[in-house]
Amino acid sequence: MEWIEQLYQWFMSLGQQYGVNPILFGVIYVGAIPFFTASIAWLVRNYKKGISIVYPTLSASFFFVSAYLYLMIAGQDVPWWVYGVVVAMLVYGAWSTYNNVQKRIKEKSVIDDE
């Protein structure tokens, strides 16, 4: 159980090192998941109905990056490579989300055609 304590201490030290609260970061990260999922459902629904997908896309994008916005705004002395990792995650997340939405749209189209 000593390794759990060491992991906890390391995790908490990151908050001190970068000037952010790691618990708040985690709460924002996990708390945004249901809102992101709801935004994607809203996006798919609007697309199927032929309604504009601008607002659901903006909503999904915001919830996807919310924890990292906190890190970038509140953080201090965040190394350059962290920004690179965040950008890479955003690009991957956008690509993954786009593919997921396209898959759901195709599935719905097949069901509607039957």
N, C-alpha and C. Protein backbone atom coordinates (compact mmCIF):
# COMPACT_ATOMS: atom_id res chain seq x y z
N MET A 1 0.81 -1.19 0.00
CA MET A 1 0.00 0.00 0.00
C MET A 1 0.86 1.26 0.00
N GLU A 2 2.13 1.09 0.20
CA GLU A 2 3.03 2.25 0.19
C GLU A 2 3.07 2.91 -1.18
N TRP A 3 2.95 2.12 -2.24
CA TRP A 3 3.00 2.68 -3.59
C TRP A 3 1.79 3.57 -3.87
N ILE A 4 0.65 3.28 -3.23
CA ILE A 4 -0.53 4.13 -3.40
C ILE A 4 -0.27 5.49 -2.78
N GLU A 5 0.33 5.50 -1.61
CA GLU A 5 0.68 6.77 -0.95
C GLU A 5 1.69 7.56 -1.78
N GLN A 6 2.67 6.86 -2.35
CA GLN A 6 3.66 7.54 -3.19
C GLN A 6 3.01 8.11 -4.44
N LEU A 7 2.10 7.37 -5.05
CA LEU A 7 1.39 7.84 -6.22
C LEU A 7 0.55 9.07 -5.88
N TYR A 8 -0.14 9.02 -4.75
CA TYR A 8 -0.94 10.16 -4.31
C TYR A 8 -0.06 11.39 -4.08
N GLN A 9 1.07 11.20 -3.41
CA GLN A 9 1.98 12.33 -3.15
C GLN A 9 2.52 12.91 -4.46
N TRP A 10 2.86 12.06 -5.40
CA TRP A 10 3.36 12.53 -6.71
C TRP A 10 2.27 13.33 -7.42
N PHE A 11 1.05 12.78 -7.43
CA PHE A 11 -0.07 13.44 -8.10
C PHE A 11 -0.32 14.82 -7.49
N MET A 12 -0.33 14.90 -6.17
CA MET A 12 -0.57 16.18 -5.50
C MET A 12 0.58 17.15 -5.71
N SER A 13 1.80 16.65 -5.84
CA SER A 13 2.95 17.54 -6.06
C SER A 13 2.88 18.20 -7.44
N LEU A 14 2.24 17.54 -8.39
CA LEU A 14 2.08 18.15 -9.71
C LEU A 14 1.26 19.43 -9.61
N GLY A 15 0.27 19.42 -8.77
CA GLY A 15 -0.55 20.61 -8.56
C GLY A 15 0.26 21.75 -8.00
N GLN A 16 1.12 21.46 -7.04
CA GLN A 16 1.98 22.49 -6.46
C GLN A 16 2.99 22.99 -7.49
N GLN A 17 3.54 22.08 -8.24
CA GLN A 17 4.56 22.44 -9.22
C GLN A 17 4.01 23.36 -10.31
N TYR A 18 2.78 23.11 -10.76
CA TYR A 18 2.21 23.87 -11.87
C TYR A 18 1.16 24.88 -11.44
N GLY A 19 0.90 24.99 -10.16
CA GLY A 19 -0.01 26.00 -9.66
C GLY A 19 -1.48 25.72 -9.92
N VAL A 20 -1.84 24.46 -10.04
CA VAL A 20 -3.24 24.09 -10.23
C VAL A 20 -3.63 23.08 -9.16
N ASN A 21 -4.92 22.96 -8.94
CA ASN A 21 -5.43 21.99 -7.99
C ASN A 21 -5.70 20.70 -8.76
N PRO A 22 -4.94 19.63 -8.52
CA PRO A 22 -5.14 18.39 -9.28
C PRO A 22 -6.51 17.76 -9.06
N ILE A 23 -7.08 17.95 -7.88
CA ILE A 23 -8.42 17.42 -7.62
C ILE A 23 -9.44 18.16 -8.49
N LEU A 24 -9.31 19.49 -8.57
CA LEU A 24 -10.21 20.28 -9.41
C LEU A 24 -10.05 19.89 -10.88
N PHE A 25 -8.82 19.69 -11.32
CA PHE A 25 -8.58 19.25 -12.69
C PHE A 25 -9.32 17.93 -12.95
N GLY A 26 -9.17 16.98 -12.04
CA GLY A 26 -9.83 15.68 -12.20
C GLY A 26 -11.34 15.79 -12.19
N VAL A 27 -11.88 16.64 -11.31
CA VAL A 27 -13.33 16.83 -11.24
C VAL A 27 -13.84 17.43 -12.55
N ILE A 28 -13.13 18.43 -13.07
CA ILE A 28 -13.54 19.03 -14.35
C ILE A 28 -13.46 17.98 -15.45
N TYR A 29 -12.37 17.22 -15.48
CA TYR A 29 -12.16 16.22 -16.52
C TYR A 29 -13.28 15.17 -16.52
N VAL A 30 -13.54 14.59 -15.37
CA VAL A 30 -14.55 13.54 -15.26
C VAL A 30 -15.96 14.13 -15.34
N GLY A 31 -16.15 15.29 -14.73
CA GLY A 31 -17.46 15.93 -14.74
C GLY A 31 -17.92 16.36 -16.11
N ALA A 32 -16.99 16.61 -17.02
CA ALA A 32 -17.35 17.06 -18.37
C ALA A 32 -17.81 15.90 -19.26
N ILE A 33 -17.51 14.67 -18.87
CA ILE A 33 -17.84 13.52 -19.72
C ILE A 33 -19.33 13.42 -20.05
N PRO A 34 -20.24 13.50 -19.07
CA PRO A 34 -21.66 13.40 -19.44
C PRO A 34 -22.13 14.56 -20.32
N PHE A 35 -21.59 15.75 -20.09
CA PHE A 35 -21.97 16.90 -20.91
C PHE A 35 -21.43 16.77 -22.33
N PHE A 36 -20.23 16.24 -22.46
CA PHE A 36 -19.66 15.98 -23.79
C PHE A 36 -20.51 14.95 -24.53
N THR A 37 -20.88 13.88 -23.84
CA THR A 37 -21.70 12.83 -24.44
C THR A 37 -23.07 13.38 -24.86
N ALA A 38 -23.67 14.18 -24.01
CA ALA A 38 -24.96 14.79 -24.35
C ALA A 38 -24.83 15.73 -25.54
N SER A 39 -23.72 16.44 -25.62
CA SER A 39 -23.50 17.34 -26.75
C SER A 39 -23.37 16.57 -28.06
N ILE A 40 -22.71 15.42 -28.01
CA ILE A 40 -22.58 14.58 -29.21
C ILE A 40 -23.95 14.04 -29.62
N ALA A 41 -24.75 13.63 -28.65
CA ALA A 41 -26.10 13.15 -28.96
C ALA A 41 -26.92 14.28 -29.59
N TRP A 42 -26.79 15.48 -29.05
CA TRP A 42 -27.48 16.65 -29.58
C TRP A 42 -27.03 16.94 -31.01
N LEU A 43 -25.72 16.83 -31.24
CA LEU A 43 -25.17 17.05 -32.57
C LEU A 43 -25.73 16.05 -33.57
N VAL A 44 -25.73 14.79 -33.22
CA VAL A 44 -26.24 13.74 -34.13
C VAL A 44 -27.73 13.96 -34.39
N ARG A 45 -28.49 14.26 -33.35
CA ARG A 45 -29.92 14.51 -33.51
C ARG A 45 -30.18 15.68 -34.45
N ASN A 46 -29.46 16.78 -34.24
CA ASN A 46 -29.64 17.94 -35.12
C ASN A 46 -29.26 17.63 -36.55
N TYR A 47 -28.20 16.86 -36.73
CA TYR A 47 -27.77 16.51 -38.08
C TYR A 47 -28.85 15.69 -38.78
N LYS A 48 -29.40 14.73 -38.07
CA LYS A 48 -30.44 13.87 -38.65
C LYS A 48 -31.68 14.66 -39.02
N LYS A 49 -32.00 15.69 -38.22
CA LYS A 49 -33.18 16.50 -38.48
C LYS A 49 -32.90 17.63 -39.47
N GLY A 50 -31.65 17.76 -39.89
CA GLY A 50 -31.31 18.83 -40.82
C GLY A 50 -31.20 20.20 -40.17
N ILE A 51 -31.03 20.22 -38.85
CA ILE A 51 -30.89 21.46 -38.09
C ILE A 51 -29.39 21.77 -37.97
N SER A 52 -29.06 23.04 -37.80
CA SER A 52 -27.67 23.46 -37.67
C SER A 52 -26.97 22.70 -36.54
N ILE A 53 -25.74 22.29 -36.79
CA ILE A 53 -24.95 21.57 -35.77
C ILE A 53 -23.89 22.48 -35.14
N VAL A 54 -23.97 23.79 -35.39
CA VAL A 54 -22.96 24.71 -34.87
C VAL A 54 -22.94 24.70 -33.34
N TYR A 55 -24.08 24.92 -32.70
CA TYR A 55 -24.10 24.99 -31.24
C TYR A 55 -23.72 23.67 -30.57
N PRO A 56 -24.23 22.53 -31.02
CA PRO A 56 -23.78 21.29 -30.38
C PRO A 56 -22.30 21.01 -30.60
N THR A 57 -21.78 21.43 -31.76
CA THR A 57 -20.34 21.23 -32.00
C THR A 57 -19.52 22.11 -31.07
N LEU A 58 -19.93 23.35 -30.90
CA LEU A 58 -19.23 24.24 -29.96
C LEU A 58 -19.32 23.71 -28.54
N SER A 59 -20.49 23.21 -28.17
CA SER A 59 -20.68 22.66 -26.84
C SER A 59 -19.78 21.45 -26.61
N ALA A 60 -19.77 20.52 -27.56
CA ALA A 60 -18.92 19.33 -27.43
C ALA A 60 -17.45 19.72 -27.37
N SER A 61 -17.05 20.67 -28.18
CA SER A 61 -15.65 21.12 -28.19
C SER A 61 -15.27 21.73 -26.85
N PHE A 62 -16.14 22.56 -26.30
CA PHE A 62 -15.85 23.17 -25.01
C PHE A 62 -15.68 22.12 -23.92
N PHE A 63 -16.61 21.18 -23.83
CA PHE A 63 -16.52 20.18 -22.78
C PHE A 63 -15.33 19.24 -22.98
N PHE A 64 -14.93 19.05 -24.23
CA PHE A 64 -13.78 18.20 -24.51
C PHE A 64 -12.49 18.83 -23.99
N VAL A 65 -12.37 20.15 -24.07
CA VAL A 65 -11.13 20.82 -23.68
C VAL A 65 -11.20 21.52 -22.34
N SER A 66 -12.32 21.44 -21.64
CA SER A 66 -12.51 22.23 -20.42
C SER A 66 -11.42 22.02 -19.36
N ALA A 67 -11.04 20.81 -19.08
CA ALA A 67 -10.00 20.57 -18.07
C ALA A 67 -8.66 21.13 -18.52
N TYR A 68 -8.37 21.04 -19.81
CA TYR A 68 -7.10 21.55 -20.32
C TYR A 68 -7.11 23.07 -20.39
N LEU A 69 -8.28 23.66 -20.57
CA LEU A 69 -8.38 25.12 -20.49
C LEU A 69 -8.02 25.57 -19.08
N TYR A 70 -8.53 24.84 -18.10
CA TYR A 70 -8.18 25.15 -16.71
C TYR A 70 -6.67 25.08 -16.51
N LEU A 71 -6.05 24.04 -17.00
CA LEU A 71 -4.61 23.89 -16.86
C LEU A 71 -3.86 25.03 -17.53
N MET A 72 -4.27 25.39 -18.74
CA MET A 72 -3.56 26.43 -19.48
C MET A 72 -3.79 27.82 -18.90
N ILE A 73 -4.98 28.06 -18.35
CA ILE A 73 -5.29 29.38 -17.79
C ILE A 73 -4.71 29.53 -16.38
N ALA A 74 -4.92 28.55 -15.53
CA ALA A 74 -4.52 28.66 -14.13
C ALA A 74 -3.08 28.19 -13.88
N GLY A 75 -2.55 27.38 -14.77
CA GLY A 75 -1.22 26.82 -14.56
C GLY A 75 -0.09 27.83 -14.67
N GLN A 76 0.98 27.53 -13.99
CA GLN A 76 2.18 28.35 -14.02
C GLN A 76 3.36 27.46 -14.35
N ASP A 77 4.26 27.98 -15.15
CA ASP A 77 5.47 27.24 -15.52
C ASP A 77 5.16 25.88 -16.13
N VAL A 78 4.09 25.82 -16.90
CA VAL A 78 3.74 24.58 -17.58
C VAL A 78 4.72 24.41 -18.73
N PRO A 79 5.44 23.28 -18.82
CA PRO A 79 6.44 23.10 -19.87
C PRO A 79 5.82 23.12 -21.27
N TRP A 80 6.58 23.49 -22.25
CA TRP A 80 6.10 23.60 -23.64
C TRP A 80 5.55 22.27 -24.13
N TRP A 81 6.17 21.16 -23.70
CA TRP A 81 5.74 19.86 -24.21
C TRP A 81 4.33 19.50 -23.74
N VAL A 82 3.90 20.07 -22.60
CA VAL A 82 2.54 19.82 -22.14
C VAL A 82 1.54 20.41 -23.14
N TYR A 83 1.84 21.61 -23.65
CA TYR A 83 0.98 22.21 -24.67
C TYR A 83 0.95 21.33 -25.91
N GLY A 84 2.11 20.77 -26.28
CA GLY A 84 2.18 19.87 -27.43
C GLY A 84 1.33 18.63 -27.22
N VAL A 85 1.40 18.05 -26.03
CA VAL A 85 0.59 16.87 -25.72
C VAL A 85 -0.90 17.22 -25.76
N VAL A 86 -1.25 18.38 -25.19
CA VAL A 86 -2.66 18.80 -25.18
C VAL A 86 -3.15 19.00 -26.61
N VAL A 87 -2.35 19.66 -27.44
CA VAL A 87 -2.74 19.86 -28.83
C VAL A 87 -2.89 18.51 -29.54
N ALA A 88 -1.95 17.59 -29.30
CA ALA A 88 -2.05 16.26 -29.93
C ALA A 88 -3.31 15.54 -29.46
N MET A 89 -3.64 15.65 -28.18
CA MET A 89 -4.85 15.01 -27.66
C MET A 89 -6.09 15.65 -28.28
N LEU A 90 -6.07 16.96 -28.45
CA LEU A 90 -7.22 17.64 -29.06
C LEU A 90 -7.40 17.21 -30.50
N VAL A 91 -6.31 17.11 -31.23
CA VAL A 91 -6.39 16.68 -32.63
C VAL A 91 -6.92 15.25 -32.69
N TYR A 92 -6.36 14.38 -31.86
CA TYR A 92 -6.83 12.99 -31.84
C TYR A 92 -8.29 12.91 -31.41
N GLY A 93 -8.67 13.67 -30.39
CA GLY A 93 -10.05 13.67 -29.93
C GLY A 93 -11.02 14.17 -30.98
N ALA A 94 -10.61 15.21 -31.69
CA ALA A 94 -11.46 15.74 -32.76
C ALA A 94 -11.62 14.71 -33.87
N TRP A 95 -10.53 14.09 -34.25
CA TRP A 95 -10.56 13.05 -35.29
C TRP A 95 -11.44 11.87 -34.85
N SER A 96 -11.25 11.43 -33.62
CA SER A 96 -12.02 10.31 -33.08
C SER A 96 -13.51 10.66 -33.00
N THR A 97 -13.81 11.86 -32.53
CA THR A 97 -15.20 12.29 -32.42
C THR A 97 -15.84 12.38 -33.79
N TYR A 98 -15.13 12.94 -34.75
CA TYR A 98 -15.65 13.04 -36.12
C TYR A 98 -15.98 11.66 -36.67
N ASN A 99 -15.07 10.71 -36.51
CA ASN A 99 -15.31 9.35 -36.99
C ASN A 99 -16.49 8.70 -36.27
N ASN A 100 -16.61 8.93 -34.97
CA ASN A 100 -17.70 8.36 -34.19
C ASN A 100 -19.04 8.93 -34.65
N VAL A 101 -19.09 10.24 -34.88
CA VAL A 101 -20.33 10.87 -35.34
C VAL A 101 -20.69 10.34 -36.72
N GLN A 102 -19.73 10.22 -37.61
CA GLN A 102 -19.99 9.71 -38.95
C GLN A 102 -20.52 8.28 -38.89
N LYS A 103 -19.96 7.48 -37.99
CA LYS A 103 -20.42 6.10 -37.84
C LYS A 103 -21.88 6.06 -37.38
N ARG A 104 -22.22 6.89 -36.42
CA ARG A 104 -23.60 6.92 -35.91
C ARG A 104 -24.56 7.41 -36.98
N ILE A 105 -24.14 8.38 -37.76
CA ILE A 105 -25.00 8.90 -38.83
C ILE A 105 -25.24 7.81 -39.86
N LYS A 106 -24.19 7.07 -40.23
CA LYS A 106 -24.35 5.98 -41.20
C LYS A 106 -25.25 4.89 -40.66
N GLU A 107 -25.09 4.56 -39.38
CA GLU A 107 -25.94 3.53 -38.76
C GLU A 107 -27.40 3.97 -38.82
N LYS A 108 -27.66 5.22 -38.52
CA LYS A 108 -29.03 5.73 -38.54
C LYS A 108 -29.57 5.73 -39.97
N SER A 109 -28.74 6.06 -40.94
CA SER A 109 -29.17 6.06 -42.34
C SER A 109 -29.56 4.66 -42.79
N VAL A 110 -28.80 3.65 -42.38
CA VAL A 110 -29.10 2.27 -42.75
C VAL A 110 -30.41 1.84 -42.13
N ILE A 111 -30.63 2.20 -40.88
CA ILE A 111 -31.87 1.83 -40.20
C ILE A 111 -33.06 2.53 -40.86
N ASP A 112 -32.91 3.79 -41.22
CA ASP A 112 -34.00 4.54 -41.84
C ASP A 112 -34.34 4.00 -43.25
N ASP A 113 -33.33 3.47 -43.94
CA ASP A 113 -33.54 2.95 -45.30
C ASP A 113 -34.28 1.62 -45.30
N GLU A 114 -34.28 0.92 -44.20
CA GLU A 114 -34.91 -0.41 -44.15
C GLU A 114 -36.38 -0.35 -44.09
